[in-house]
N, C-alpha and C. Protein backbone atom coordinates (compact mmCIF):
# COMPACT_ATOMS: atom_id res chain seq x y z
N UNK A 1 20.58 102.30 -31.09
CA UNK A 1 21.51 102.77 -30.07
C UNK A 1 21.97 101.56 -29.17
N UNK A 2 23.25 101.55 -28.98
CA UNK A 2 23.69 100.40 -28.08
C UNK A 2 23.56 100.80 -26.63
N UNK A 3 23.77 99.77 -25.74
CA UNK A 3 23.63 99.98 -24.35
C UNK A 3 24.62 100.97 -23.74
N UNK A 4 25.76 101.06 -24.31
CA UNK A 4 26.70 102.06 -23.77
C UNK A 4 26.23 103.50 -24.06
N UNK A 5 25.77 103.68 -25.28
CA UNK A 5 25.16 104.99 -25.59
C UNK A 5 23.94 105.31 -24.77
N UNK A 6 23.16 104.33 -24.46
CA UNK A 6 21.90 104.71 -23.51
C UNK A 6 22.43 105.01 -22.13
N UNK A 7 23.50 104.39 -21.60
CA UNK A 7 24.00 104.63 -20.37
C UNK A 7 24.59 106.10 -20.29
N UNK A 8 25.30 106.34 -21.25
CA UNK A 8 25.91 107.69 -21.38
C UNK A 8 24.75 108.79 -21.44
N UNK A 9 23.85 108.54 -22.26
CA UNK A 9 22.76 109.49 -22.32
C UNK A 9 22.10 109.73 -20.97
N UNK A 10 21.73 108.65 -20.32
CA UNK A 10 21.16 108.64 -18.95
C UNK A 10 21.96 109.39 -17.97
N UNK A 11 23.27 109.20 -18.05
CA UNK A 11 24.17 109.82 -17.15
C UNK A 11 24.14 111.34 -17.36
N UNK A 12 24.14 111.70 -18.61
CA UNK A 12 24.17 113.23 -18.92
C UNK A 12 22.84 113.73 -18.50
N UNK A 13 21.77 113.12 -18.53
CA UNK A 13 20.49 113.64 -18.09
C UNK A 13 20.40 113.82 -16.59
N UNK A 14 21.14 113.03 -15.82
CA UNK A 14 21.11 113.10 -14.44
C UNK A 14 21.78 114.36 -13.78
N UNK A 15 22.55 115.01 -14.75
CA UNK A 15 23.28 116.34 -14.26
C UNK A 15 24.39 116.15 -13.42
N UNK A 16 24.68 117.17 -12.68
CA UNK A 16 25.86 117.26 -11.93
C UNK A 16 25.96 116.26 -10.83
N UNK A 17 24.89 115.73 -10.31
CA UNK A 17 24.93 114.69 -9.31
C UNK A 17 25.83 113.55 -9.83
N UNK A 18 25.62 113.15 -11.00
CA UNK A 18 26.42 112.05 -11.55
C UNK A 18 27.85 112.52 -11.88
N UNK A 19 28.10 113.79 -12.03
CA UNK A 19 29.45 114.30 -12.21
C UNK A 19 30.32 113.84 -11.16
N UNK A 20 29.85 113.66 -10.00
CA UNK A 20 30.64 113.36 -8.86
C UNK A 20 30.46 111.84 -8.48
N UNK A 21 30.01 111.12 -9.33
CA UNK A 21 29.80 109.64 -9.05
C UNK A 21 31.03 108.79 -9.58
N UNK A 22 31.05 107.45 -9.15
CA UNK A 22 32.12 106.60 -9.73
C UNK A 22 33.44 106.91 -9.12
N UNK A 23 34.62 106.91 -9.94
CA UNK A 23 35.94 107.08 -9.47
C UNK A 23 36.10 108.52 -8.81
N UNK A 24 35.48 109.54 -9.15
CA UNK A 24 35.66 110.81 -8.60
C UNK A 24 35.03 110.70 -7.21
N UNK A 25 33.90 110.23 -7.02
CA UNK A 25 33.35 110.09 -5.75
C UNK A 25 34.20 109.24 -4.73
N UNK A 26 34.81 108.18 -5.41
CA UNK A 26 35.71 107.37 -4.58
C UNK A 26 36.89 108.18 -4.05
N UNK A 27 37.41 109.09 -4.94
CA UNK A 27 38.54 109.96 -4.57
C UNK A 27 38.05 110.99 -3.48
N UNK A 28 36.87 111.39 -3.52
CA UNK A 28 36.40 112.34 -2.45
C UNK A 28 36.09 111.52 -1.10
N UNK A 29 35.82 110.33 -1.10
CA UNK A 29 35.72 109.56 -0.01
C UNK A 29 37.06 109.34 0.58
N UNK A 30 38.03 108.92 -0.23
CA UNK A 30 39.42 108.72 0.24
C UNK A 30 40.00 109.97 0.76
N UNK A 31 39.81 111.05 0.18
CA UNK A 31 40.34 112.24 0.69
C UNK A 31 39.60 112.87 1.90
N UNK A 32 38.49 112.31 2.21
CA UNK A 32 37.72 112.79 3.47
C UNK A 32 36.86 113.99 3.05
N UNK A 33 36.78 114.43 1.85
CA UNK A 33 35.92 115.64 1.37
C UNK A 33 34.49 115.47 1.93
N UNK A 34 33.98 114.25 1.73
CA UNK A 34 32.53 114.08 2.08
C UNK A 34 32.22 114.19 3.53
N UNK A 35 33.14 114.22 4.39
CA UNK A 35 32.86 114.47 5.84
C UNK A 35 32.34 115.85 6.19
N UNK A 36 32.64 116.82 5.25
CA UNK A 36 32.29 118.28 5.49
C UNK A 36 31.58 118.81 4.34
N UNK A 37 31.55 118.20 3.12
CA UNK A 37 31.08 118.78 1.97
C UNK A 37 30.02 117.84 1.23
N UNK A 38 29.10 118.50 0.51
CA UNK A 38 28.14 117.75 -0.28
C UNK A 38 27.93 118.53 -1.63
N UNK A 39 27.47 117.82 -2.63
CA UNK A 39 27.33 118.61 -3.99
C UNK A 39 26.47 119.87 -3.97
N UNK A 40 25.26 119.72 -3.31
CA UNK A 40 24.47 121.03 -3.45
C UNK A 40 23.88 121.39 -2.07
N UNK A 41 24.50 121.05 -0.94
CA UNK A 41 23.93 121.49 0.36
C UNK A 41 25.13 121.85 1.28
N UNK A 42 25.04 122.86 2.00
CA UNK A 42 26.02 123.26 2.95
C UNK A 42 25.96 122.21 4.09
N UNK A 43 27.13 121.80 4.56
CA UNK A 43 27.23 120.92 5.59
C UNK A 43 28.24 121.64 6.71
N UNK A 44 29.17 120.99 7.07
CA UNK A 44 30.23 121.69 7.85
C UNK A 44 30.90 122.82 7.05
N UNK A 45 31.20 122.47 5.86
CA UNK A 45 31.75 123.32 4.82
C UNK A 45 30.74 123.59 3.73
N UNK A 46 31.20 124.44 2.83
CA UNK A 46 30.29 124.83 1.70
C UNK A 46 30.03 123.62 0.68
N UNK A 47 29.00 123.81 -0.02
CA UNK A 47 28.76 122.75 -1.03
C UNK A 47 29.74 122.97 -2.12
N UNK A 48 29.91 121.83 -2.99
CA UNK A 48 30.85 121.93 -4.00
C UNK A 48 30.25 122.93 -5.08
N UNK A 49 28.91 122.98 -5.24
CA UNK A 49 28.43 124.03 -6.13
C UNK A 49 28.60 125.43 -5.67
N UNK A 50 28.59 125.74 -4.45
CA UNK A 50 28.83 126.96 -3.78
C UNK A 50 30.43 127.30 -4.11
N UNK A 51 31.29 126.33 -3.92
CA UNK A 51 32.61 126.57 -4.27
C UNK A 51 32.83 126.90 -5.67
N UNK A 52 32.22 126.24 -6.60
CA UNK A 52 32.31 126.40 -8.08
C UNK A 52 31.78 127.88 -8.35
N UNK A 53 30.63 128.21 -7.80
CA UNK A 53 30.01 129.53 -8.06
C UNK A 53 30.95 130.62 -7.59
N UNK A 54 31.55 130.54 -6.54
CA UNK A 54 32.47 131.71 -5.90
C UNK A 54 33.60 131.75 -6.85
N UNK A 55 34.12 130.73 -7.41
CA UNK A 55 35.30 130.88 -8.27
C UNK A 55 35.09 130.73 -9.78
N UNK A 56 33.87 130.90 -10.19
CA UNK A 56 33.52 130.70 -11.60
C UNK A 56 34.21 131.68 -12.34
N UNK A 57 34.89 131.15 -13.58
CA UNK A 57 35.67 131.96 -14.43
C UNK A 57 37.01 132.36 -14.04
N UNK A 58 37.39 131.82 -12.89
CA UNK A 58 38.79 132.20 -12.34
C UNK A 58 39.73 130.93 -12.52
N UNK A 59 40.96 131.23 -12.77
CA UNK A 59 41.97 130.23 -12.86
C UNK A 59 42.58 129.93 -11.59
N UNK A 60 41.76 129.14 -10.74
CA UNK A 60 42.22 128.99 -9.30
C UNK A 60 42.40 127.49 -8.86
N UNK A 61 42.38 126.59 -9.79
CA UNK A 61 42.54 125.18 -9.48
C UNK A 61 43.79 124.97 -8.54
N UNK A 62 44.91 125.53 -8.96
CA UNK A 62 46.24 125.33 -8.22
C UNK A 62 46.04 125.91 -6.83
N UNK A 63 45.49 127.16 -6.85
CA UNK A 63 45.26 127.83 -5.52
C UNK A 63 44.45 126.98 -4.54
N UNK A 64 43.33 126.43 -5.07
CA UNK A 64 42.39 125.79 -4.27
C UNK A 64 43.03 124.47 -3.81
N UNK A 65 43.74 123.78 -4.60
CA UNK A 65 44.45 122.53 -4.33
C UNK A 65 45.31 122.81 -3.17
N UNK A 66 46.18 123.87 -3.20
CA UNK A 66 47.01 124.28 -2.04
C UNK A 66 46.29 124.46 -0.90
N UNK A 67 45.02 125.07 -0.93
CA UNK A 67 44.27 125.34 0.26
C UNK A 67 43.71 124.02 0.86
N UNK A 68 43.34 123.05 -0.02
CA UNK A 68 42.90 121.82 0.47
C UNK A 68 44.17 121.04 1.15
N UNK A 69 45.23 121.14 0.53
CA UNK A 69 46.37 120.42 0.96
C UNK A 69 46.76 120.96 2.40
N UNK A 70 46.79 122.25 2.51
CA UNK A 70 47.38 122.92 3.69
C UNK A 70 46.31 123.34 4.72
N UNK A 71 45.04 123.22 4.29
CA UNK A 71 44.04 123.71 5.19
C UNK A 71 43.71 125.20 4.94
N UNK A 72 42.55 125.63 5.32
CA UNK A 72 42.14 126.99 5.08
C UNK A 72 41.15 127.43 6.13
N UNK A 73 40.94 128.72 6.25
CA UNK A 73 39.91 129.30 7.10
C UNK A 73 39.50 130.60 6.59
N UNK A 74 38.25 131.04 6.95
CA UNK A 74 37.81 132.35 6.71
C UNK A 74 37.20 132.60 5.36
N UNK A 75 37.31 131.77 4.44
CA UNK A 75 36.77 131.98 3.10
C UNK A 75 35.27 131.77 2.95
N UNK A 76 34.76 130.77 3.63
CA UNK A 76 33.33 130.45 3.62
C UNK A 76 32.72 130.56 5.02
N UNK A 77 33.41 131.21 5.91
CA UNK A 77 32.85 131.24 7.31
C UNK A 77 34.02 131.07 8.34
N UNK A 78 33.66 130.82 9.49
CA UNK A 78 34.65 130.63 10.53
C UNK A 78 35.19 129.25 10.86
N UNK A 79 34.42 128.25 10.30
CA UNK A 79 34.92 126.91 10.52
C UNK A 79 36.05 126.51 9.64
N UNK A 80 37.30 126.24 10.23
CA UNK A 80 38.51 125.95 9.43
C UNK A 80 38.38 124.65 8.63
N UNK A 81 38.93 124.62 7.47
CA UNK A 81 39.17 123.30 6.81
C UNK A 81 40.46 122.69 7.18
N UNK A 82 40.39 121.46 7.68
CA UNK A 82 41.58 120.73 8.01
C UNK A 82 42.47 120.40 6.79
N UNK A 83 43.72 120.26 6.90
CA UNK A 83 44.62 119.97 5.75
C UNK A 83 44.37 118.49 5.30
N UNK A 84 44.46 118.29 4.07
CA UNK A 84 44.34 116.87 3.48
C UNK A 84 45.77 116.42 3.04
N UNK A 85 46.42 115.56 3.78
CA UNK A 85 47.80 115.13 3.51
C UNK A 85 47.94 114.31 2.27
N UNK A 86 49.06 114.35 1.70
CA UNK A 86 49.37 113.66 0.44
C UNK A 86 49.30 112.15 0.71
N UNK A 87 49.37 111.68 1.99
CA UNK A 87 49.19 110.27 2.29
C UNK A 87 47.72 109.85 2.12
N UNK A 88 46.83 110.81 2.17
CA UNK A 88 45.38 110.62 2.07
C UNK A 88 44.92 110.63 0.55
N UNK A 89 45.48 111.73 -0.13
CA UNK A 89 45.14 112.06 -1.44
C UNK A 89 46.33 112.61 -2.17
N UNK A 90 46.81 111.94 -3.15
CA UNK A 90 47.99 112.31 -3.86
C UNK A 90 47.74 113.53 -4.68
N UNK A 91 48.77 114.20 -5.12
CA UNK A 91 48.59 115.50 -5.88
C UNK A 91 47.85 115.34 -7.07
N UNK A 92 47.99 114.35 -7.90
CA UNK A 92 47.16 114.05 -9.18
C UNK A 92 45.76 113.95 -8.85
N UNK A 93 45.48 113.11 -7.79
CA UNK A 93 44.00 112.90 -7.44
C UNK A 93 43.37 114.20 -6.87
N UNK A 94 44.20 114.94 -6.12
CA UNK A 94 43.65 116.24 -5.66
C UNK A 94 43.31 117.19 -6.68
N UNK A 95 44.23 117.15 -7.73
CA UNK A 95 44.03 118.09 -8.88
C UNK A 95 42.69 117.67 -9.60
N UNK A 96 42.44 116.36 -9.83
CA UNK A 96 41.27 115.88 -10.46
C UNK A 96 39.98 116.35 -9.68
N UNK A 97 40.01 116.14 -8.34
CA UNK A 97 38.88 116.51 -7.51
C UNK A 97 38.55 118.05 -7.62
N UNK A 98 39.64 118.80 -7.44
CA UNK A 98 39.33 120.31 -7.52
C UNK A 98 38.93 120.77 -8.91
N UNK A 99 39.44 120.17 -9.97
CA UNK A 99 39.00 120.59 -11.27
C UNK A 99 37.56 120.12 -11.59
N UNK A 100 37.19 119.09 -11.03
CA UNK A 100 35.80 118.51 -11.15
C UNK A 100 34.89 119.49 -10.39
N UNK A 101 35.18 119.80 -9.17
CA UNK A 101 34.36 120.76 -8.37
C UNK A 101 34.13 122.10 -9.13
N UNK A 102 35.22 122.64 -9.70
CA UNK A 102 35.17 123.95 -10.51
C UNK A 102 34.29 123.84 -11.67
N UNK A 103 34.09 122.66 -12.15
CA UNK A 103 33.26 122.55 -13.36
C UNK A 103 31.80 122.38 -13.16
N UNK A 104 31.39 122.29 -11.90
CA UNK A 104 29.92 122.17 -11.48
C UNK A 104 29.17 123.51 -11.83
């Protein structure tokens, strides 16, 4: 087995934490997501895993992207989520982030 296959295998073994590493993690930093969210623990906002669980099996990626873009409140508690402007995270990158979260 070559080095690339070993690295891929190791990444798969590390689970969902690695699912948000690398370029995706960079997008979440750029978008400001990590200021309020984490993969598996509630912070100011819900964890990414809690978001994925709430919407499991639903076709909501576009709806959630709109909530991120415009801001939202009342879904996971009383603390509002501030809007994420396109200047911070473009539409394609926002779609990538939302779809990745929903796959957790």
